[in-house]
């Protein structure tokens, strides 16, 4: 009578493997995000005179996730790209110069001259 609810052992094994693999992947991604945030928080807060030299966006995923990136060039010609929030991205224009305040890979503030 309950023959229709029987699961083939091979199918059950692969389903379980996929399920637990997904859980492990979830915790790996979560851990790497926490580790990056903790690493940023341990870095000293730095200020540098910088110029906005490039802006770009990355749209990805089925639900159109968007990441915003800005490249700053310091007075010593060293360029660094930061992922920034949408609000700051909208306020910056290529060619803007000012004081960049950052901590690790996180932009805290940019004050124009």
PDB file of N, CA and C in Angstrom:
ATOM      1  N   UNK A   1       0.813  -1.206   0.000  1.00  0.00           N
ATOM      2  CA  UNK A   1       0.000   0.000   0.000  1.00  0.00           C
ATOM      3  C   UNK A   1       0.856   1.270   0.000  1.00  0.00           C
ATOM      4  N   UNK A   2       1.962   1.254   0.718  1.00  0.00           N
ATOM      5  CA  UNK A   2       2.810   2.441   0.794  1.00  0.00           C
ATOM      6  C   UNK A   2       4.032   2.343  -0.110  1.00  0.00           C
ATOM      7  N   UNK A   3       3.953   1.559  -1.145  1.00  0.00           N
ATOM      8  CA  UNK A   3       5.058   1.391  -2.072  1.00  0.00           C
ATOM      9  C   UNK A   3       5.420   2.700  -2.775  1.00  0.00           C
ATOM     10  N   UNK A   4       4.446   3.595  -2.963  1.00  0.00           N
ATOM     11  CA  UNK A   4       4.730   4.844  -3.677  1.00  0.00           C
ATOM     12  C   UNK A   4       5.605   5.784  -2.846  1.00  0.00           C
ATOM     13  N   UNK A   5       5.679   5.578  -1.526  1.00  0.00           N
ATOM     14  CA  UNK A   5       6.472   6.444  -0.659  1.00  0.00           C
ATOM     15  C   UNK A   5       7.886   5.910  -0.433  1.00  0.00           C
ATOM     16  N   UNK A   6       8.213   4.803  -1.057  1.00  0.00           N
ATOM     17  CA  UNK A   6       9.547   4.248  -0.924  1.00  0.00           C
ATOM     18  C   UNK A   6      10.542   5.093  -1.705  1.00  0.00           C
ATOM     19  N   UNK A   7      11.687   5.356  -1.102  1.00  0.00           N
ATOM     20  CA  UNK A   7      12.729   6.148  -1.755  1.00  0.00           C
ATOM     21  C   UNK A   7      13.878   5.216  -2.106  1.00  0.00           C
ATOM     22  N   UNK A   8      14.329   5.311  -3.332  1.00  0.00           N
ATOM     23  CA  UNK A   8      15.466   4.518  -3.782  1.00  0.00           C
ATOM     24  C   UNK A   8      16.682   4.905  -2.932  1.00  0.00           C
ATOM     25  N   UNK A   9      17.440   3.964  -2.385  1.00  0.00           N
ATOM     26  CA  UNK A   9      18.585   4.295  -1.532  1.00  0.00           C
ATOM     27  C   UNK A   9      19.622   5.183  -2.216  1.00  0.00           C
ATOM     28  N   UNK A  10      19.844   4.993  -3.503  1.00  0.00           N
ATOM     29  CA  UNK A  10      20.818   5.830  -4.212  1.00  0.00           C
ATOM     30  C   UNK A  10      20.314   7.272  -4.274  1.00  0.00           C
ATOM     31  N   UNK A  11      19.041   7.454  -4.571  1.00  0.00           N
ATOM     32  CA  UNK A  11      18.465   8.798  -4.614  1.00  0.00           C
ATOM     33  C   UNK A  11      18.540   9.447  -3.232  1.00  0.00           C
ATOM     34  N   UNK A  12      18.224   8.696  -2.196  1.00  0.00           N
ATOM     35  CA  UNK A  12      18.290   9.221  -0.830  1.00  0.00           C
ATOM     36  C   UNK A  12      19.691   9.648  -0.452  1.00  0.00           C
ATOM     37  N   UNK A  13      20.696   8.870  -0.867  1.00  0.00           N
ATOM     38  CA  UNK A  13      22.084   9.209  -0.565  1.00  0.00           C
ATOM     39  C   UNK A  13      22.467  10.534  -1.224  1.00  0.00           C
ATOM     40  N   UNK A  14      22.152  10.684  -2.505  1.00  0.00           N
ATOM     41  CA  UNK A  14      22.520  11.922  -3.216  1.00  0.00           C
ATOM     42  C   UNK A  14      21.711  13.119  -2.730  1.00  0.00           C
ATOM     43  N   UNK A  15      20.473  12.907  -2.347  1.00  0.00           N
ATOM     44  CA  UNK A  15      19.673  13.999  -1.791  1.00  0.00           C
ATOM     45  C   UNK A  15      20.277  14.464  -0.478  1.00  0.00           C
ATOM     46  N   UNK A  16      20.642  13.515   0.363  1.00  0.00           N
ATOM     47  CA  UNK A  16      21.271  13.863   1.640  1.00  0.00           C
ATOM     48  C   UNK A  16      22.604  14.552   1.452  1.00  0.00           C
ATOM     49  N   UNK A  17      23.391  14.067   0.505  1.00  0.00           N
ATOM     50  CA  UNK A  17      24.681  14.680   0.219  1.00  0.00           C
ATOM     51  C   UNK A  17      24.512  16.120  -0.256  1.00  0.00           C
ATOM     52  N   UNK A  18      23.539  16.346  -1.114  1.00  0.00           N
ATOM     53  CA  UNK A  18      23.265  17.692  -1.618  1.00  0.00           C
ATOM     54  C   UNK A  18      22.780  18.600  -0.490  1.00  0.00           C
ATOM     55  N   UNK A  19      21.903  18.082   0.348  1.00  0.00           N
ATOM     56  CA  UNK A  19      21.350  18.869   1.455  1.00  0.00           C
ATOM     57  C   UNK A  19      22.453  19.296   2.422  1.00  0.00           C
ATOM     58  N   UNK A  20      23.261  18.350   2.871  1.00  0.00           N
ATOM     59  CA  UNK A  20      24.313  18.690   3.831  1.00  0.00           C
ATOM     60  C   UNK A  20      25.431  19.494   3.182  1.00  0.00           C
ATOM     61  N   UNK A  21      25.678  19.296   1.899  1.00  0.00           N
ATOM     62  CA  UNK A  21      26.644  20.136   1.184  1.00  0.00           C
ATOM     63  C   UNK A  21      26.186  21.585   1.134  1.00  0.00           C
ATOM     64  N   UNK A  22      24.868  21.774   0.934  1.00  0.00           N
ATOM     65  CA  UNK A  22      24.317  23.129   0.941  1.00  0.00           C
ATOM     66  C   UNK A  22      24.450  23.793   2.297  1.00  0.00           C
ATOM     67  N   UNK A  23      24.222  23.031   3.356  1.00  0.00           N
ATOM     68  CA  UNK A  23      24.369  23.582   4.710  1.00  0.00           C
ATOM     69  C   UNK A  23      25.817  23.968   4.974  1.00  0.00           C
ATOM     70  N   UNK A  24      26.754  23.117   4.578  1.00  0.00           N
ATOM     71  CA  UNK A  24      28.173  23.427   4.769  1.00  0.00           C
ATOM     72  C   UNK A  24      28.560  24.663   3.970  1.00  0.00           C
ATOM     73  N   UNK A  25      28.087  24.790   2.738  1.00  0.00           N
ATOM     74  CA  UNK A  25      28.376  25.953   1.912  1.00  0.00           C
ATOM     75  C   UNK A  25      27.811  27.229   2.540  1.00  0.00           C
ATOM     76  N   UNK A  26      26.595  27.155   3.072  1.00  0.00           N
ATOM     77  CA  UNK A  26      25.971  28.304   3.731  1.00  0.00           C
ATOM     78  C   UNK A  26      26.838  28.798   4.884  1.00  0.00           C
ATOM     79  N   UNK A  27      27.283  27.883   5.754  1.00  0.00           N
ATOM     80  CA  UNK A  27      28.083  28.291   6.900  1.00  0.00           C
ATOM     81  C   UNK A  27      29.473  28.770   6.484  1.00  0.00           C
ATOM     82  N   UNK A  28      30.014  28.237   5.403  1.00  0.00           N
ATOM     83  CA  UNK A  28      31.295  28.714   4.900  1.00  0.00           C
ATOM     84  C   UNK A  28      31.182  30.162   4.428  1.00  0.00           C
ATOM     85  N   UNK A  29      30.142  30.464   3.668  1.00  0.00           N
ATOM     86  CA  UNK A  29      29.936  31.831   3.174  1.00  0.00           C
ATOM     87  C   UNK A  29      29.673  32.781   4.333  1.00  0.00           C
ATOM     88  N   UNK A  30      28.852  32.356   5.287  1.00  0.00           N
ATOM     89  CA  UNK A  30      28.576  33.178   6.464  1.00  0.00           C
ATOM     90  C   UNK A  30      29.860  33.452   7.244  1.00  0.00           C
ATOM     91  N   UNK A  31      30.661  32.426   7.435  1.00  0.00           N
ATOM     92  CA  UNK A  31      31.912  32.582   8.177  1.00  0.00           C
ATOM     93  C   UNK A  31      32.894  33.496   7.481  1.00  0.00           C
ATOM     94  N   UNK A  32      32.974  33.409   6.148  1.00  0.00           N
ATOM     95  CA  UNK A  32      33.909  34.272   5.431  1.00  0.00           C
ATOM     96  C   UNK A  32      33.469  35.734   5.507  1.00  0.00           C
ATOM     97  N   UNK A  33      32.165  35.988   5.492  1.00  0.00           N
ATOM     98  CA  UNK A  33      31.676  37.363   5.647  1.00  0.00           C
ATOM     99  C   UNK A  33      31.967  37.924   7.021  1.00  0.00           C
ATOM    100  N   UNK A  34      31.766  37.096   8.040  1.00  0.00           N
ATOM    101  CA  UNK A  34      32.064  37.530   9.410  1.00  0.00           C
ATOM    102  C   UNK A  34      33.557  37.768   9.572  1.00  0.00           C
ATOM    103  N   UNK A  35      34.368  36.889   8.998  1.00  0.00           N
ATOM    104  CA  UNK A  35      35.819  37.031   9.097  1.00  0.00           C
ATOM    105  C   UNK A  35      36.290  38.320   8.417  1.00  0.00           C
ATOM    106  N   UNK A  36      35.714  38.648   7.257  1.00  0.00           N
ATOM    107  CA  UNK A  36      36.107  39.876   6.552  1.00  0.00           C
ATOM    108  C   UNK A  36      35.700  41.112   7.347  1.00  0.00           C
ATOM    109  N   UNK A  37      34.494  41.105   7.916  1.00  0.00           N
ATOM    110  CA  UNK A  37      34.044  42.248   8.713  1.00  0.00           C
ATOM    111  C   UNK A  37      34.923  42.428   9.952  1.00  0.00           C
ATOM    112  N   UNK A  38      35.276  41.336  10.599  1.00  0.00           N
ATOM    113  CA  UNK A  38      36.133  41.411  11.786  1.00  0.00           C
ATOM    114  C   UNK A  38      37.521  41.917  11.403  1.00  0.00           C
ATOM    115  N   UNK A  39      38.046  41.459  10.263  1.00  0.00           N
ATOM    116  CA  UNK A  39      39.352  41.909   9.805  1.00  0.00           C
ATOM    117  C   UNK A  39      39.338  43.406   9.497  1.00  0.00           C
ATOM    118  N   UNK A  40      38.271  43.892   8.859  1.00  0.00           N
ATOM    119  CA  UNK A  40      38.150  45.326   8.590  1.00  0.00           C
ATOM    120  C   UNK A  40      38.115  46.122   9.883  1.00  0.00           C
ATOM    121  N   UNK A  41      37.376  45.626  10.871  1.00  0.00           N
ATOM    122  CA  UNK A  41      37.242  46.345  12.140  1.00  0.00           C
ATOM    123  C   UNK A  41      38.556  46.421  12.907  1.00  0.00           C
ATOM    124  N   UNK A  42      39.442  45.475  12.693  1.00  0.00           N
ATOM    125  CA  UNK A  42      40.735  45.476  13.392  1.00  0.00           C
ATOM    126  C   UNK A  42      41.756  46.395  12.735  1.00  0.00           C
ATOM    127  N   UNK A  43      41.499  46.826  11.504  1.00  0.00           N
ATOM    128  CA  UNK A  43      42.435  47.690  10.786  1.00  0.00           C
ATOM    129  C   UNK A  43      42.359  49.113  11.344  1.00  0.00           C
ATOM    130  N   UNK A  44      43.470  49.851  11.270  1.00  0.00           N
ATOM    131  CA  UNK A  44      43.428  51.247  11.718  1.00  0.00           C
ATOM    132  C   UNK A  44      42.621  52.100  10.733  1.00  0.00           C
ATOM    133  N   UNK A  45      42.013  53.136  11.252  1.00  0.00           N
ATOM    134  CA  UNK A  45      41.294  54.085  10.398  1.00  0.00           C
ATOM    135  C   UNK A  45      42.331  55.018   9.766  1.00  0.00           C
ATOM    136  N   UNK A  46      42.286  55.108   8.426  1.00  0.00           N
ATOM    137  CA  UNK A  46      43.275  55.908   7.701  1.00  0.00           C
ATOM    138  C   UNK A  46      42.577  56.999   6.898  1.00  0.00           C
ATOM    139  N   UNK A  47      43.292  58.085   6.698  1.00  0.00           N
ATOM    140  CA  UNK A  47      42.819  59.166   5.842  1.00  0.00           C
ATOM    141  C   UNK A  47      43.865  59.414   4.769  1.00  0.00           C
ATOM    142  N   UNK A  48      43.402  59.726   3.581  1.00  0.00           N
ATOM    143  CA  UNK A  48      44.324  60.019   2.482  1.00  0.00           C
ATOM    144  C   UNK A  48      43.654  61.001   1.531  1.00  0.00           C
ATOM    145  N   UNK A  49      44.472  61.865   0.966  1.00  0.00           N
ATOM    146  CA  UNK A  49      43.981  62.739  -0.087  1.00  0.00           C
ATOM    147  C   UNK A  49      43.830  61.880  -1.329  1.00  0.00           C
ATOM    148  N   UNK A  50      42.640  61.884  -1.917  1.00  0.00           N
ATOM    149  CA  UNK A  50      42.383  60.967  -3.032  1.00  0.00           C
ATOM    150  C   UNK A  50      41.480  61.610  -4.064  1.00  0.00           C
ATOM    151  N   UNK A  51      41.509  61.013  -5.245  1.00  0.00           N
ATOM    152  CA  UNK A  51      40.689  61.461  -6.370  1.00  0.00           C
ATOM    153  C   UNK A  51      39.880  60.270  -6.874  1.00  0.00           C
ATOM    154  N   UNK A  52      38.615  60.492  -7.208  1.00  0.00           N
ATOM    155  CA  UNK A  52      37.780  59.444  -7.784  1.00  0.00           C
ATOM    156  C   UNK A  52      38.171  59.320  -9.255  1.00  0.00           C
ATOM    157  N   UNK A  53      38.683  58.147  -9.641  1.00  0.00           N
ATOM    158  CA  UNK A  53      39.126  57.971 -11.023  1.00  0.00           C
ATOM    159  C   UNK A  53      38.212  57.051 -11.823  1.00  0.00           C
ATOM    160  N   UNK A  54      37.400  56.229 -11.159  1.00  0.00           N
ATOM    161  CA  UNK A  54      36.502  55.333 -11.892  1.00  0.00           C
ATOM    162  C   UNK A  54      35.357  54.886 -10.994  1.00  0.00           C
ATOM    163  N   UNK A  55      34.230  54.606 -11.638  1.00  0.00           N
ATOM    164  CA  UNK A  55      33.055  54.058 -10.955  1.00  0.00           C
ATOM    165  C   UNK A  55      32.520  52.920 -11.820  1.00  0.00           C
ATOM    166  N   UNK A  56      32.017  51.883 -11.156  1.00  0.00           N
ATOM    167  CA  UNK A  56      31.394  50.789 -11.908  1.00  0.00           C
ATOM    168  C   UNK A  56      30.369  50.102 -11.016  1.00  0.00           C
ATOM    169  N   UNK A  57      29.455  49.391 -11.668  1.00  0.00           N
ATOM    170  CA  UNK A  57      28.476  48.594 -10.937  1.00  0.00           C
ATOM    171  C   UNK A  57      28.529  47.163 -11.451  1.00  0.00           C
ATOM    172  N   UNK A  58      28.114  46.252 -10.598  1.00  0.00           N
ATOM    173  CA  UNK A  58      28.028  44.842 -10.980  1.00  0.00           C
ATOM    174  C   UNK A  58      26.623  44.374 -10.620  1.00  0.00           C
ATOM    175  N   UNK A  59      25.860  43.988 -11.627  1.00  0.00           N
ATOM    176  CA  UNK A  59      24.506  43.466 -11.426  1.00  0.00           C
ATOM    177  C   UNK A  59      24.569  41.958 -11.597  1.00  0.00           C
ATOM    178  N   UNK A  60      24.021  41.213 -10.634  1.00  0.00           N
ATOM    179  CA  UNK A  60      24.111  39.766 -10.682  1.00  0.00           C
ATOM    180  C   UNK A  60      22.873  39.134 -10.054  1.00  0.00           C
ATOM    181  N   UNK A  61      22.690  37.860 -10.327  1.00  0.00           N
ATOM    182  CA  UNK A  61      21.613  37.084  -9.719  1.00  0.00           C
ATOM    183  C   UNK A  61      20.286  37.238 -10.439  1.00  0.00           C
ATOM    184  N   UNK A  62      19.385  36.336 -10.117  1.00  0.00           N
ATOM    185  CA  UNK A  62      18.049  36.353 -10.718  1.00  0.00           C
ATOM    186  C   UNK A  62      17.215  37.536 -10.254  1.00  0.00           C
ATOM    187  N   UNK A  63      17.533  38.069  -9.082  1.00  0.00           N
ATOM    188  CA  UNK A  63      16.741  39.164  -8.516  1.00  0.00           C
ATOM    189  C   UNK A  63      17.446  40.503  -8.653  1.00  0.00           C
ATOM    190  N   UNK A  64      18.422  40.560  -9.550  1.00  0.00           N
ATOM    191  CA  UNK A  64      19.153  41.794  -9.861  1.00  0.00           C
ATOM    192  C   UNK A  64      19.765  42.446  -8.620  1.00  0.00           C
ATOM    193  N   UNK A  65      20.687  41.748  -8.006  1.00  0.00           N
ATOM    194  CA  UNK A  65      21.468  42.340  -6.918  1.00  0.00           C
ATOM    195  C   UNK A  65      22.501  43.252  -7.550  1.00  0.00           C
ATOM    196  N   UNK A  66      22.816  44.352  -6.889  1.00  0.00           N
ATOM    197  CA  UNK A  66      23.753  45.316  -7.444  1.00  0.00           C
ATOM    198  C   UNK A  66      24.836  45.637  -6.426  1.00  0.00           C
ATOM    199  N   UNK A  67      26.090  45.597  -6.866  1.00  0.00           N
ATOM    200  CA  UNK A  67      27.226  46.035  -6.069  1.00  0.00           C
ATOM    201  C   UNK A  67      27.797  47.288  -6.728  1.00  0.00           C
ATOM    202  N   UNK A  68      28.211  48.228  -5.902  1.00  0.00           N
ATOM    203  CA  UNK A  68      28.735  49.502  -6.389  1.00  0.00           C
ATOM    204  C   UNK A  68      30.210  49.607  -6.014  1.00  0.00           C
ATOM    205  N   UNK A  69      31.053  49.987  -6.990  1.00  0.00           N
ATOM    206  CA  UNK A  69      32.492  50.074  -6.774  1.00  0.00           C
ATOM    207  C   UNK A  69      33.004  51.436  -7.218  1.00  0.00           C
ATOM    208  N   UNK A  70      33.949  51.971  -6.442  1.00  0.00           N
ATOM    209  CA  UNK A  70      34.596  53.244  -6.779  1.00  0.00           C
ATOM    210  C   UNK A  70      36.106  53.039  -6.654  1.00  0.00           C
ATOM    211  N   UNK A  71      36.846  53.520  -7.631  1.00  0.00           N
ATOM    212  CA  UNK A  71      38.307  53.456  -7.593  1.00  0.00           C
ATOM    213  C   UNK A  71      38.835  54.830  -7.235  1.00  0.00           C
ATOM    214  N   UNK A  72      39.654  54.875  -6.195  1.00  0.00           N
ATOM    215  CA  UNK A  72      40.286  56.116  -5.739  1.00  0.00           C
ATOM    216  C   UNK A  72      41.775  56.055  -6.057  1.00  0.00           C
ATOM    217  N   UNK A  73      42.333  57.213  -6.401  1.00  0.00           N
ATOM    218  CA  UNK A  73      43.769  57.313  -6.629  1.00  0.00           C
ATOM    219  C   UNK A  73      44.341  58.260  -5.586  1.00  0.00           C
ATOM    220  N   UNK A  74      45.294  57.769  -4.809  1.00  0.00           N
ATOM    221  CA  UNK A  74      45.934  58.582  -3.772  1.00  0.00           C
ATOM    222  C   UNK A  74      46.966  59.503  -4.406  1.00  0.00           C
ATOM    223  N   UNK A  75      47.468  60.439  -3.604  1.00  0.00           N
ATOM    224  CA  UNK A  75      48.435  61.412  -4.118  1.00  0.00           C
ATOM    225  C   UNK A  75      49.707  60.750  -4.633  1.00  0.00           C
ATOM    226  N   UNK A  76      50.025  59.545  -4.170  1.00  0.00           N
ATOM    227  CA  UNK A  76      51.230  58.836  -4.622  1.00  0.00           C
ATOM    228  C   UNK A  76      50.953  57.946  -5.842  1.00  0.00           C
ATOM    229  N   UNK A  77      49.831  58.163  -6.512  1.00  0.00           N
ATOM    230  CA  UNK A  77      49.394  57.448  -7.719  1.00  0.00           C
ATOM    231  C   UNK A  77      48.988  55.997  -7.461  1.00  0.00           C
ATOM    232  N   UNK A  78      48.805  55.607  -6.213  1.00  0.00           N
ATOM    233  CA  UNK A  78      48.336  54.255  -5.893  1.00  0.00           C
ATOM    234  C   UNK A  78      46.811  54.217  -5.992  1.00  0.00           C
ATOM    235  N   UNK A  79      46.295  53.260  -6.767  1.00  0.00           N
ATOM    236  CA  UNK A  79      44.847  53.132  -6.964  1.00  0.00           C
ATOM    237  C   UNK A  79      44.303  51.982  -6.132  1.00  0.00           C
ATOM    238  N   UNK A  80      43.131  52.219  -5.535  1.00  0.00           N
ATOM    239  CA  UNK A  80      42.459  51.195  -4.737  1.00  0.00           C
ATOM    240  C   UNK A  80      40.975  51.246  -5.035  1.00  0.00           C
ATOM    241  N   UNK A  81      40.390  50.062  -5.257  1.00  0.00           N
ATOM    242  CA  UNK A  81      38.952  49.975  -5.513  1.00  0.00           C
ATOM    243  C   UNK A  81      38.243  49.524  -4.243  1.00  0.00           C
ATOM    244  N   UNK A  82      37.152  50.209  -3.916  1.00  0.00           N
ATOM    245  CA  UNK A  82      36.347  49.884  -2.748  1.00  0.00           C
ATOM    246  C   UNK A  82      34.921  49.597  -3.186  1.00  0.00           C
ATOM    247  N   UNK A  83      34.289  48.656  -2.503  1.00  0.00           N
ATOM    248  CA  UNK A  83      32.846  48.475  -2.673  1.00  0.00           C
ATOM    249  C   UNK A  83      32.179  49.475  -1.729  1.00  0.00           C
ATOM    250  N   UNK A  84      31.252  50.271  -2.263  1.00  0.00           N
ATOM    251  CA  UNK A  84      30.612  51.326  -1.467  1.00  0.00           C
ATOM    252  C   UNK A  84      29.104  51.141  -1.488  1.00  0.00           C
ATOM    253  N   UNK A  85      28.434  51.854  -0.594  1.00  0.00           N
ATOM    254  CA  UNK A  85      26.978  51.815  -0.545  1.00  0.00           C
ATOM    255  C   UNK A  85      26.402  52.646  -1.690  1.00  0.00           C
ATOM    256  N   UNK A  86      25.160  52.343  -2.030  1.00  0.00           N
ATOM    257  CA  UNK A  86      24.501  53.005  -3.154  1.00  0.00           C
ATOM    258  C   UNK A  86      24.447  54.521  -2.971  1.00  0.00           C
ATOM    259  N   UNK A  87      24.183  54.973  -1.759  1.00  0.00           N
ATOM    260  CA  UNK A  87      24.079  56.411  -1.499  1.00  0.00           C
ATOM    261  C   UNK A  87      25.367  57.153  -1.785  1.00  0.00           C
ATOM    262  N   UNK A  88      26.489  56.639  -1.300  1.00  0.00           N
ATOM    263  CA  UNK A  88      27.786  57.270  -1.549  1.00  0.00           C
ATOM    264  C   UNK A  88      28.144  57.195  -3.028  1.00  0.00           C
ATOM    265  N   UNK A  89      27.840  56.070  -3.661  1.00  0.00           N
ATOM    266  CA  UNK A  89      28.120  55.906  -5.093  1.00  0.00           C
ATOM    267  C   UNK A  89      27.418  56.992  -5.909  1.00  0.00           C
ATOM    268  N   UNK A  90      26.181  57.283  -5.561  1.00  0.00           N
ATOM    269  CA  UNK A  90      25.413  58.293  -6.284  1.00  0.00           C
ATOM    270  C   UNK A  90      25.934  59.703  -6.089  1.00  0.00           C
ATOM    271  N   UNK A  91      26.596  59.959  -4.963  1.00  0.00           N
ATOM    272  CA  UNK A  91      27.105  61.302  -4.683  1.00  0.00           C
ATOM    273  C   UNK A  91      28.464  61.584  -5.320  1.00  0.00           C
ATOM    274  N   UNK A  92      29.185  60.516  -5.664  1.00  0.00           N
ATOM    275  CA  UNK A  92      30.529  60.703  -6.207  1.00  0.00           C
ATOM    276  C   UNK A  92      30.509  60.822  -7.724  1.00  0.00           C
ATOM    277  N   UNK A  93      31.414  61.660  -8.228  1.00  0.00           N
ATOM    278  CA  UNK A  93      31.574  61.866  -9.668  1.00  0.00           C
ATOM    279  C   UNK A  93      33.053  61.672  -9.981  1.00  0.00           C
ATOM    280  N   UNK A  94      33.334  61.030 -11.116  1.00  0.00           N
ATOM    281  CA  UNK A  94      34.731  60.876 -11.516  1.00  0.00           C
ATOM    282  C   UNK A  94      35.381  62.253 -11.605  1.00  0.00           C
ATOM    283  N   UNK A  95      36.548  62.353 -10.982  1.00  0.00           N
ATOM    284  CA  UNK A  95      37.257  63.634 -10.950  1.00  0.00           C
ATOM    285  C   UNK A  95      37.153  64.330  -9.611  1.00  0.00           C
ATOM    286  N   UNK A  96      36.229  63.913  -8.750  1.00  0.00           N
ATOM    287  CA  UNK A  96      36.121  64.503  -7.411  1.00  0.00           C
ATOM    288  C   UNK A  96      37.415  64.281  -6.641  1.00  0.00           C
ATOM    289  N   UNK A  97      37.867  65.294  -5.916  1.00  0.00           N
ATOM    290  CA  UNK A  97      39.029  65.153  -5.043  1.00  0.00           C
ATOM    291  C   UNK A  97      38.613  65.520  -3.635  1.00  0.00           C
ATOM    292  N   UNK A  98      39.269  64.886  -2.673  1.00  0.00           N
ATOM    293  CA  UNK A  98      38.939  65.154  -1.281  1.00  0.00           C
ATOM    294  C   UNK A  98      39.715  64.248  -0.359  1.00  0.00           C
ATOM    295  N   UNK A  99      39.220  64.162   0.874  1.00  0.00           N
ATOM    296  CA  UNK A  99      39.839  63.322   1.893  1.00  0.00           C
ATOM    297  C   UNK A  99      39.036  62.038   2.011  1.00  0.00           C
ATOM    298  N   UNK A 100      39.694  60.922   1.741  1.00  0.00           N
ATOM    299  CA  UNK A 100      39.084  59.603   1.850  1.00  0.00           C
ATOM    300  C   UNK A 100      39.420  59.027   3.220  1.00  0.00           C
ATOM    301  N   UNK A 101      38.393  58.638   3.963  1.00  0.00           N
ATOM    302  CA  UNK A 101      38.577  57.964   5.247  1.00  0.00           C
ATOM    303  C   UNK A 101      38.139  56.522   5.067  1.00  0.00           C
ATOM    304  N   UNK A 102      39.034  55.593   5.372  1.00  0.00           N
ATOM    305  CA  UNK A 102      38.726  54.181   5.161  1.00  0.00           C
ATOM    306  C   UNK A 102      39.328  53.329   6.274  1.00  0.00           C
ATOM    307  N   UNK A 103      38.795  52.129   6.401  1.00  0.00           N
ATOM    308  CA  UNK A 103      39.259  51.171   7.392  1.00  0.00           C
ATOM    309  C   UNK A 103      39.279  49.798   6.725  1.00  0.00           C
ATOM    310  N   UNK A 104      40.463  49.289   6.453  1.00  0.00           N
ATOM    311  CA  UNK A 104      40.559  48.026   5.729  1.00  0.00           C
ATOM    312  C   UNK A 104      40.049  48.212   4.313  1.00  0.00           C
ATOM    313  N   UNK A 105      39.000  47.447   3.951  1.00  0.00           N
ATOM    314  CA  UNK A 105      38.395  47.562   2.621  1.00  0.00           C
ATOM    315  C   UNK A 105      37.055  48.275   2.677  1.00  0.00           C
ATOM    316  N   UNK A 106      36.819  49.053   3.726  1.00  0.00           N
ATOM    317  CA  UNK A 106      35.535  49.722   3.916  1.00  0.00           C
ATOM    318  C   UNK A 106      35.736  51.239   3.909  1.00  0.00           C
ATOM    319  N   UNK A 107      34.983  51.926   3.053  1.00  0.00           N
ATOM    320  CA  UNK A 107      35.027  53.391   3.013  1.00  0.00           C
ATOM    321  C   UNK A 107      34.128  53.926   4.120  1.00  0.00           C
ATOM    322  N   UNK A 108      34.679  54.764   4.967  1.00  0.00           N
ATOM    323  CA  UNK A 108      33.897  55.367   6.047  1.00  0.00           C
ATOM    324  C   UNK A 108      33.341  56.718   5.643  1.00  0.00           C
ATOM    325  N   UNK A 109      34.142  57.490   4.866  1.00  0.00           N
ATOM    326  CA  UNK A 109      33.699  58.838   4.503  1.00  0.00           C
ATOM    327  C   UNK A 109      34.567  59.360   3.356  1.00  0.00           C
ATOM    328  N   UNK A 110      33.983  60.263   2.587  1.00  0.00           N
ATOM    329  CA  UNK A 110      34.741  60.992   1.579  1.00  0.00           C
ATOM    330  C   UNK A 110      34.267  62.439   1.626  1.00  0.00           C
ATOM    331  N   UNK A 111      35.208  63.356   1.966  1.00  0.00           N
ATOM    332  CA  UNK A 111      34.883  64.781   2.048  1.00  0.00           C
ATOM    333  C   UNK A 111      35.577  65.511   0.906  1.00  0.00           C
ATOM    334  N   UNK A 112      34.760  66.160   0.065  1.00  0.00           N
ATOM    335  CA  UNK A 112      35.305  66.902  -1.070  1.00  0.00           C
ATOM    336  C   UNK A 112      36.039  68.144  -0.591  1.00  0.00           C
ATOM    337  N   UNK A 113      37.001  68.566  -1.424  1.00  0.00           N
ATOM    338  CA  UNK A 113      37.692  69.840  -1.168  1.00  0.00           C
ATOM    339  C   UNK A 113      36.796  70.972  -1.576  1.00  0.00           C
TER     340      UNK A 113
END
